[in-house]
Amino acid sequence: MTRQIVLDTETTGIDPKKGHRLIEIGCIEIEDLLPTGRTFHHYFNPERLIEPDAIRVHGITDEMVADKPKFAALAQELVDFIGDAKIIAHNASFDRGFVNMELDRLRLPQTDPDQWIDTLEMARYKFPGMANSLDALCKRYNISLVERDKHGALLDARLLAGVYLELSGGKERGLDLTMHGAVSATGELIRVMDHGKRPRPLPSHIHPEEAEAHMAFCLKYLKDKNMWGYTPQ
């Protein structure tokens, strides 16, 4: 069983290197691409002011987080919730930068870049040259945005879980198809679908007269009578 965490963050600004902080984080646990019902969702007091441009995006004001806990109070709970699961995020470098900055401030181990799966990169590979924002992908996959007036970490994580399901094969995964990876001569990963063997052969619908005509053709025109695995009786 594959356990993964879909994660989204909201922040005071766009650059953790300039002192910006997390103010909201939303995580959804999925197993084999299905939500388990377990979530981690909290607002934080960032101990600094939120930039006006950021407020216009997510609608979270300084007053709304003034009485919220600091990240340090819940950091270990977040680390334990994620564990060693892969972390799925849209534009993962942004979320990873903020999460790792907060963990580093507390001298906690940072997440490894290899632990993250970037759905933006997945979408760019699948839809090159197209709009691949979370909103655009939701519309492309007919995922409802009716509740999304502004950005919100938990809501966006729920939307992203649906998008990730579609980017990973969508409902086709329920058909018990297996995906295998192969590498081209240039080192590029190629995804090849293996349909496997049919458990029961389909019944023949050929008419007896058609079967007889086909047999006559094989006997008359094929020099090697066994090239199609056919042996004349």
C-alpha atoms as a PDB file:
ATOM      1  CA  MET A   1       0.000   0.000   0.000  1.00  0.00           C
ATOM      2  CA  THR A   2       1.438   3.375  -1.063  1.00  0.00           C
ATOM      3  CA  ARG A   3       1.024   6.193   1.463  1.00  0.00           C
ATOM      4  CA  GLN A   4       1.385   9.793   0.263  1.00  0.00           C
ATOM      5  CA  ILE A   5       0.669  13.257   1.672  1.00  0.00           C
ATOM      6  CA  VAL A   6      -0.964  15.976  -0.437  1.00  0.00           C
ATOM      7  CA  LEU A   7       0.202  19.317   0.960  1.00  0.00           C
ATOM      8  CA  ASP A   8      -0.489  23.004   0.443  1.00  0.00           C
ATOM      9  CA  THR A   9       0.639  26.124   2.304  1.00  0.00           C
ATOM     10  CA  GLU A  10      -0.289  29.777   2.657  1.00  0.00           C
ATOM     11  CA  THR A  11       2.351  32.310   3.653  1.00  0.00           C
ATOM     12  CA  THR A  12       3.015  35.927   4.582  1.00  0.00           C
ATOM     13  CA  GLY A  13       4.839  36.495   1.276  1.00  0.00           C
ATOM     14  CA  ILE A  14       6.642  34.685  -1.496  1.00  0.00           C
ATOM     15  CA  ASP A  15      10.243  34.386  -0.260  1.00  0.00           C
ATOM     16  CA  PRO A  16      11.274  32.544   2.924  1.00  0.00           C
ATOM     17  CA  LYS A  17      14.811  33.891   2.499  1.00  0.00           C
ATOM     18  CA  LYS A  18      13.407  37.375   3.160  1.00  0.00           C
ATOM     19  CA  GLY A  19      11.865  36.311   6.442  1.00  0.00           C
ATOM     20  CA  HIS A  20       8.409  35.332   5.243  1.00  0.00           C
ATOM     21  CA  ARG A  21       6.661  32.632   7.249  1.00  0.00           C
ATOM     22  CA  LEU A  22       3.981  29.976   7.060  1.00  0.00           C
ATOM     23  CA  ILE A  23       0.522  30.988   8.227  1.00  0.00           C
ATOM     24  CA  GLU A  24      -1.455  27.924   7.138  1.00  0.00           C
ATOM     25  CA  ILE A  25      -0.696  24.351   6.172  1.00  0.00           C
ATOM     26  CA  GLY A  26      -3.112  21.689   4.969  1.00  0.00           C
ATOM     27  CA  CYS A  27      -2.206  18.025   4.505  1.00  0.00           C
ATOM     28  CA  ILE A  28      -4.337  15.115   3.319  1.00  0.00           C
ATOM     29  CA  GLU A  29      -3.252  11.516   3.665  1.00  0.00           C
ATOM     30  CA  ILE A  30      -3.921   9.254   0.687  1.00  0.00           C
ATOM     31  CA  GLU A  31      -3.246   5.560   0.254  1.00  0.00           C
ATOM     32  CA  ASP A  32      -3.184   4.091  -3.240  1.00  0.00           C
ATOM     33  CA  LEU A  33      -4.538   7.469  -4.483  1.00  0.00           C
ATOM     34  CA  LEU A  34      -7.596   7.369  -2.187  1.00  0.00           C
ATOM     35  CA  PRO A  35      -8.059   9.768   0.780  1.00  0.00           C
ATOM     36  CA  THR A  36      -8.009   7.956   4.112  1.00  0.00           C
ATOM     37  CA  GLY A  37      -9.840  10.721   5.977  1.00  0.00           C
ATOM     38  CA  ARG A  38      -6.767  11.704   8.000  1.00  0.00           C
ATOM     39  CA  THR A  39      -5.728  15.346   7.699  1.00  0.00           C
ATOM     40  CA  PHE A  40      -3.372  17.847   9.306  1.00  0.00           C
ATOM     41  CA  HIS A  41      -4.613  21.429   9.113  1.00  0.00           C
ATOM     42  CA  HIS A  42      -3.524  24.413  11.177  1.00  0.00           C
ATOM     43  CA  TYR A  43      -3.141  28.180  11.071  1.00  0.00           C
ATOM     44  CA  PHE A  44      -0.041  29.752  12.621  1.00  0.00           C
ATOM     45  CA  ASN A  45       0.915  33.071  14.126  1.00  0.00           C
ATOM     46  CA  PRO A  46       3.816  34.049  11.843  1.00  0.00           C
ATOM     47  CA  GLU A  47       5.258  36.581  14.301  1.00  0.00           C
ATOM     48  CA  ARG A  48       5.352  39.178  11.525  1.00  0.00           C
ATOM     49  CA  LEU A  49       2.945  41.114   9.322  1.00  0.00           C
ATOM     50  CA  ILE A  50       1.323  39.569   6.250  1.00  0.00           C
ATOM     51  CA  GLU A  51       1.981  41.410   2.999  1.00  0.00           C
ATOM     52  CA  PRO A  52      -1.069  43.014   1.303  1.00  0.00           C
ATOM     53  CA  ASP A  53      -0.419  41.095  -1.943  1.00  0.00           C
ATOM     54  CA  ALA A  54      -0.537  37.823  -0.010  1.00  0.00           C
ATOM     55  CA  ILE A  55      -3.780  38.791   1.731  1.00  0.00           C
ATOM     56  CA  ARG A  56      -5.374  39.446  -1.653  1.00  0.00           C
ATOM     57  CA  VAL A  57      -4.523  35.857  -2.663  1.00  0.00           C
ATOM     58  CA  HIS A  58      -5.584  33.903   0.439  1.00  0.00           C
ATOM     59  CA  GLY A  59      -7.671  36.386   2.436  1.00  0.00           C
ATOM     60  CA  ILE A  60      -5.890  35.627   5.721  1.00  0.00           C
ATOM     61  CA  THR A  61      -5.304  38.804   7.744  1.00  0.00           C
ATOM     62  CA  ASP A  62      -3.003  39.587  10.667  1.00  0.00           C
ATOM     63  CA  GLU A  63      -6.018  39.682  12.986  1.00  0.00           C
ATOM     64  CA  MET A  64      -7.132  36.191  11.925  1.00  0.00           C
ATOM     65  CA  VAL A  65      -3.860  34.554  12.996  1.00  0.00           C
ATOM     66  CA  ALA A  66      -2.948  36.755  15.976  1.00  0.00           C
ATOM     67  CA  ASP A  67      -4.231  34.157  18.465  1.00  0.00           C
ATOM     68  CA  LYS A  68      -3.066  31.070  16.578  1.00  0.00           C
ATOM     69  CA  PRO A  69      -0.202  28.869  17.816  1.00  0.00           C
ATOM     70  CA  LYS A  70       3.313  29.401  16.561  1.00  0.00           C
ATOM     71  CA  PHE A  71       4.723  26.835  14.146  1.00  0.00           C
ATOM     72  CA  ALA A  72       7.072  25.521  16.825  1.00  0.00           C
ATOM     73  CA  ALA A  73       4.136  24.278  18.886  1.00  0.00           C
ATOM     74  CA  LEU A  74       2.971  21.910  16.115  1.00  0.00           C
ATOM     75  CA  ALA A  75       6.147  21.217  14.169  1.00  0.00           C
ATOM     76  CA  GLN A  76       6.737  17.739  15.568  1.00  0.00           C
ATOM     77  CA  GLU A  77       3.100  16.811  14.994  1.00  0.00           C
ATOM     78  CA  LEU A  78       3.521  17.792  11.323  1.00  0.00           C
ATOM     79  CA  VAL A  79       6.768  15.818  11.021  1.00  0.00           C
ATOM     80  CA  ASP A  80       5.109  12.747  12.542  1.00  0.00           C
ATOM     81  CA  PHE A  81       2.069  13.081  10.272  1.00  0.00           C
ATOM     82  CA  ILE A  82       4.206  13.205   7.124  1.00  0.00           C
ATOM     83  CA  GLY A  83       6.665  10.524   8.228  1.00  0.00           C
ATOM     84  CA  ASP A  84       8.558   9.035   5.284  1.00  0.00           C
ATOM     85  CA  ALA A  85       5.635   9.391   2.849  1.00  0.00           C
ATOM     86  CA  LYS A  86       6.058  11.135  -0.477  1.00  0.00           C
ATOM     87  CA  ILE A  87       4.784  14.736  -0.392  1.00  0.00           C
ATOM     88  CA  ILE A  88       2.651  15.928  -3.306  1.00  0.00           C
ATOM     89  CA  ALA A  89       2.471  19.669  -3.951  1.00  0.00           C
ATOM     90  CA  HIS A  90       1.752  22.022  -6.828  1.00  0.00           C
ATOM     91  CA  ASN A  91       4.911  24.034  -7.537  1.00  0.00           C
ATOM     92  CA  ALA A  92       6.581  21.942  -4.863  1.00  0.00           C
ATOM     93  CA  SER A  93       9.730  24.062  -4.613  1.00  0.00           C
ATOM     94  CA  PHE A  94       7.655  26.888  -3.101  1.00  0.00           C
ATOM     95  CA  ASP A  95       6.046  24.746  -0.380  1.00  0.00           C
ATOM     96  CA  ARG A  96       9.265  22.824   0.271  1.00  0.00           C
ATOM     97  CA  GLY A  97      11.176  26.077   0.734  1.00  0.00           C
ATOM     98  CA  PHE A  98       8.784  27.298   3.423  1.00  0.00           C
ATOM     99  CA  VAL A  99       8.398  23.958   5.205  1.00  0.00           C
ATOM    100  CA  ASN A 100      12.162  23.392   5.310  1.00  0.00           C
ATOM    101  CA  MET A 101      12.797  26.953   6.463  1.00  0.00           C
ATOM    102  CA  GLU A 102      10.407  26.500   9.390  1.00  0.00           C
ATOM    103  CA  LEU A 103      11.933  23.133  10.313  1.00  0.00           C
ATOM    104  CA  ASP A 104      15.456  24.539  10.076  1.00  0.00           C
ATOM    105  CA  ARG A 105      14.566  27.388  12.437  1.00  0.00           C
ATOM    106  CA  LEU A 106      13.764  24.711  15.025  1.00  0.00           C
ATOM    107  CA  ARG A 107      16.834  22.595  14.197  1.00  0.00           C
ATOM    108  CA  LEU A 108      14.585  19.798  12.978  1.00  0.00           C
ATOM    109  CA  PRO A 109      15.572  17.625   9.988  1.00  0.00           C
ATOM    110  CA  GLN A 110      14.467  19.137   6.697  1.00  0.00           C
ATOM    111  CA  THR A 111      12.544  17.203   4.084  1.00  0.00           C
ATOM    112  CA  ASP A 112      14.561  15.714   1.242  1.00  0.00           C
ATOM    113  CA  PRO A 113      13.907  17.078  -2.279  1.00  0.00           C
ATOM    114  CA  ASP A 114      13.459  13.491  -3.483  1.00  0.00           C
ATOM    115  CA  GLN A 115      10.554  13.126  -1.064  1.00  0.00           C
ATOM    116  CA  TRP A 116       8.497  15.654  -3.042  1.00  0.00           C
ATOM    117  CA  ILE A 117       6.353  15.089  -6.137  1.00  0.00           C
ATOM    118  CA  ASP A 118       5.595  18.252  -8.127  1.00  0.00           C
ATOM    119  CA  THR A 119       2.205  18.135  -9.862  1.00  0.00           C
ATOM    120  CA  LEU A 120       3.079  21.311 -11.767  1.00  0.00           C
ATOM    121  CA  GLU A 121       5.972  19.491 -13.430  1.00  0.00           C
ATOM    122  CA  MET A 122       3.723  16.502 -14.089  1.00  0.00           C
ATOM    123  CA  ALA A 123       1.147  18.777 -15.721  1.00  0.00           C
ATOM    124  CA  ARG A 124       3.748  20.610 -17.832  1.00  0.00           C
ATOM    125  CA  TYR A 125       4.984  17.264 -19.138  1.00  0.00           C
ATOM    126  CA  LYS A 126       1.455  16.085 -19.930  1.00  0.00           C
ATOM    127  CA  PHE A 127       0.116  19.415 -21.241  1.00  0.00           C
ATOM    128  CA  PRO A 128       3.102  21.330 -22.676  1.00  0.00           C
ATOM    129  CA  GLY A 129       2.433  24.933 -23.534  1.00  0.00           C
ATOM    130  CA  MET A 130      -0.944  24.969 -21.764  1.00  0.00           C
ATOM    131  CA  ALA A 131      -2.096  26.722 -18.582  1.00  0.00           C
ATOM    132  CA  ASN A 132      -1.278  24.381 -15.707  1.00  0.00           C
ATOM    133  CA  SER A 133      -2.288  26.286 -12.596  1.00  0.00           C
ATOM    134  CA  LEU A 134      -4.362  24.379 -10.047  1.00  0.00           C
ATOM    135  CA  ASP A 135      -7.482  26.233 -11.233  1.00  0.00           C
ATOM    136  CA  ALA A 136      -6.762  25.401 -14.876  1.00  0.00           C
ATOM    137  CA  LEU A 137      -6.211  21.719 -14.107  1.00  0.00           C
ATOM    138  CA  CYS A 138      -9.396  21.513 -12.035  1.00  0.00           C
ATOM    139  CA  LYS A 139     -11.360  22.944 -14.964  1.00  0.00           C
ATOM    140  CA  ARG A 140      -9.626  20.592 -17.406  1.00  0.00           C
ATOM    141  CA  TYR A 141     -10.552  17.584 -15.270  1.00  0.00           C
ATOM    142  CA  ASN A 142     -14.042  18.858 -14.351  1.00  0.00           C
ATOM    143  CA  ILE A 143     -13.189  19.151 -10.646  1.00  0.00           C
ATOM    144  CA  SER A 144     -15.600  21.594  -8.996  1.00  0.00           C
ATOM    145  CA  LEU A 145     -14.202  24.971  -7.893  1.00  0.00           C
ATOM    146  CA  VAL A 146     -17.482  26.188  -6.447  1.00  0.00           C
ATOM    147  CA  GLU A 147     -16.041  26.469  -2.908  1.00  0.00           C
ATOM    148  CA  ARG A 148     -12.834  28.203  -3.983  1.00  0.00           C
ATOM    149  CA  ASP A 149     -13.323  31.933  -3.572  1.00  0.00           C
ATOM    150  CA  LYS A 150      -9.753  32.437  -2.362  1.00  0.00           C
ATOM    151  CA  HIS A 151      -6.779  30.156  -1.782  1.00  0.00           C
ATOM    152  CA  GLY A 152      -6.940  27.980   1.333  1.00  0.00           C
ATOM    153  CA  ALA A 153      -4.428  25.296   2.265  1.00  0.00           C
ATOM    154  CA  LEU A 154      -6.800  22.460   3.130  1.00  0.00           C
ATOM    155  CA  LEU A 155      -9.254  23.180   0.309  1.00  0.00           C
ATOM    156  CA  ASP A 156      -6.414  23.454  -2.198  1.00  0.00           C
ATOM    157  CA  ALA A 157      -4.947  20.193  -0.913  1.00  0.00           C
ATOM    158  CA  ARG A 158      -8.313  18.488  -1.487  1.00  0.00           C
ATOM    159  CA  LEU A 159      -8.493  19.869  -5.022  1.00  0.00           C
ATOM    160  CA  LEU A 160      -4.900  18.855  -5.656  1.00  0.00           C
ATOM    161  CA  ALA A 161      -5.608  15.303  -4.499  1.00  0.00           C
ATOM    162  CA  GLY A 162      -8.231  15.058  -7.248  1.00  0.00           C
ATOM    163  CA  VAL A 163      -5.873  16.547  -9.821  1.00  0.00           C
ATOM    164  CA  TYR A 164      -3.073  14.172  -8.798  1.00  0.00           C
ATOM    165  CA  LEU A 165      -5.423  11.216  -9.235  1.00  0.00           C
ATOM    166  CA  GLU A 166      -6.164  12.335 -12.799  1.00  0.00           C
ATOM    167  CA  LEU A 167      -2.521  13.092 -13.624  1.00  0.00           C
ATOM    168  CA  SER A 168      -1.609   9.617 -12.355  1.00  0.00           C
ATOM    169  CA  GLY A 169      -4.077   7.888 -14.636  1.00  0.00           C
ATOM    170  CA  GLY A 170      -7.446   8.806 -13.179  1.00  0.00           C
ATOM    171  CA  LYS A 171     -10.212   6.236 -13.221  1.00  0.00           C
ATOM    172  CA  GLU A 172      -8.179   4.102 -15.627  1.00  0.00           C
ATOM    173  CA  ARG A 173      -6.187   2.903 -12.618  1.00  0.00           C
ATOM    174  CA  GLY A 174      -9.298   1.043 -11.519  1.00  0.00           C
ATOM    175  CA  LEU A 175      -9.028  -1.140 -14.638  1.00  0.00           C
ATOM    176  CA  ASP A 176      -6.061  -2.957 -13.098  1.00  0.00           C
ATOM    177  CA  LEU A 177      -3.542  -1.740 -15.654  1.00  0.00           C
ATOM    178  CA  THR A 178       0.115  -1.676 -14.702  1.00  0.00           C
ATOM    179  CA  MET A 179       2.467   1.195 -15.485  1.00  0.00           C
ATOM    180  CA  HIS A 180       6.122   0.443 -16.040  1.00  0.00           C
ATOM    181  CA  GLY A 181       9.026   2.854 -16.482  1.00  0.00           C
ATOM    182  CA  ALA A 182      11.621   2.619 -19.202  1.00  0.00           C
ATOM    183  CA  VAL A 183      14.503   4.930 -20.008  1.00  0.00           C
ATOM    184  CA  SER A 184      15.301   6.101 -23.524  1.00  0.00           C
ATOM    185  CA  ALA A 185      18.799   6.475 -24.969  1.00  0.00           C
ATOM    186  CA  THR A 186      18.723  10.136 -23.931  1.00  0.00           C
ATOM    187  CA  GLY A 187      17.899   9.231 -20.344  1.00  0.00           C
ATOM    188  CA  GLU A 188      14.289  10.407 -20.593  1.00  0.00           C
ATOM    189  CA  LEU A 189      11.718   8.413 -18.641  1.00  0.00           C
ATOM    190  CA  ILE A 190       9.171   6.723 -20.889  1.00  0.00           C
ATOM    191  CA  ARG A 191       5.900   5.464 -19.440  1.00  0.00           C
ATOM    192  CA  VAL A 192       4.713   2.247 -21.028  1.00  0.00           C
ATOM    193  CA  MET A 193       1.385   0.657 -20.238  1.00  0.00           C
ATOM    194  CA  ASP A 194       1.272  -3.124 -19.872  1.00  0.00           C
ATOM    195  CA  HIS A 195      -2.258  -4.447 -20.243  1.00  0.00           C
ATOM    196  CA  GLY A 196      -1.244  -7.949 -19.156  1.00  0.00           C
ATOM    197  CA  LYS A 197      -2.865 -11.141 -20.356  1.00  0.00           C
ATOM    198  CA  ARG A 198      -6.632 -11.470 -20.662  1.00  0.00           C
ATOM    199  CA  PRO A 199      -7.781 -13.892 -17.919  1.00  0.00           C
ATOM    200  CA  ARG A 200     -10.297 -15.584 -20.269  1.00  0.00           C
ATOM    201  CA  PRO A 201     -10.140 -15.515 -24.094  1.00  0.00           C
ATOM    202  CA  LEU A 202     -13.032 -13.813 -25.831  1.00  0.00           C
ATOM    203  CA  PRO A 203     -15.425 -16.215 -27.577  1.00  0.00           C
ATOM    204  CA  SER A 204     -15.062 -16.428 -31.349  1.00  0.00           C
ATOM    205  CA  HIS A 205     -17.782 -14.728 -33.382  1.00  0.00           C
ATOM    206  CA  ILE A 206     -16.557 -15.915 -36.785  1.00  0.00           C
ATOM    207  CA  HIS A 207     -19.114 -17.760 -38.925  1.00  0.00           C
ATOM    208  CA  PRO A 208     -18.222 -21.383 -39.846  1.00  0.00           C
ATOM    209  CA  GLU A 209     -18.257 -20.487 -43.557  1.00  0.00           C
ATOM    210  CA  GLU A 210     -15.810 -17.613 -42.890  1.00  0.00           C
ATOM    211  CA  ALA A 211     -13.544 -19.972 -40.957  1.00  0.00           C
ATOM    212  CA  GLU A 212     -13.608 -22.440 -43.846  1.00  0.00           C
ATOM    213  CA  ALA A 213     -12.787 -19.702 -46.393  1.00  0.00           C
ATOM    214  CA  HIS A 214      -9.907 -18.482 -44.228  1.00  0.00           C
ATOM    215  CA  MET A 215      -8.498 -21.998 -43.991  1.00  0.00           C
ATOM    216  CA  ALA A 216      -8.682 -22.375 -47.798  1.00  0.00           C
ATOM    217  CA  PHE A 217      -6.825 -19.071 -48.218  1.00  0.00           C
ATOM    218  CA  CYS A 218      -4.068 -20.190 -45.853  1.00  0.00           C
ATOM    219  CA  LEU A 219      -3.627 -23.507 -47.633  1.00  0.00           C
ATOM    220  CA  LYS A 220      -3.521 -21.880 -51.080  1.00  0.00           C
ATOM    221  CA  TYR A 221      -1.359 -18.787 -50.578  1.00  0.00           C
ATOM    222  CA  LEU A 222       0.923 -19.329 -47.575  1.00  0.00           C
ATOM    223  CA  LYS A 223       4.191 -21.012 -48.428  1.00  0.00           C
ATOM    224  CA  ASP A 224       5.059 -21.502 -44.772  1.00  0.00           C
ATOM    225  CA  LYS A 225       1.966 -23.111 -43.325  1.00  0.00           C
ATOM    226  CA  ASN A 226       3.119 -22.482 -39.747  1.00  0.00           C
ATOM    227  CA  MET A 227       3.941 -18.753 -39.942  1.00  0.00           C
ATOM    228  CA  TRP A 228       0.709 -17.819 -38.102  1.00  0.00           C
ATOM    229  CA  GLY A 229       0.870 -20.794 -35.816  1.00  0.00           C
ATOM    230  CA  TYR A 230      -1.530 -22.719 -38.060  1.00  0.00           C
ATOM    231  CA  THR A 231      -1.084 -26.384 -38.819  1.00  0.00           C
ATOM    232  CA  PRO A 232      -3.299 -27.872 -41.601  1.00  0.00           C
ATOM    233  CA  GLN A 233      -5.358 -30.848 -40.570  1.00  0.00           C
END
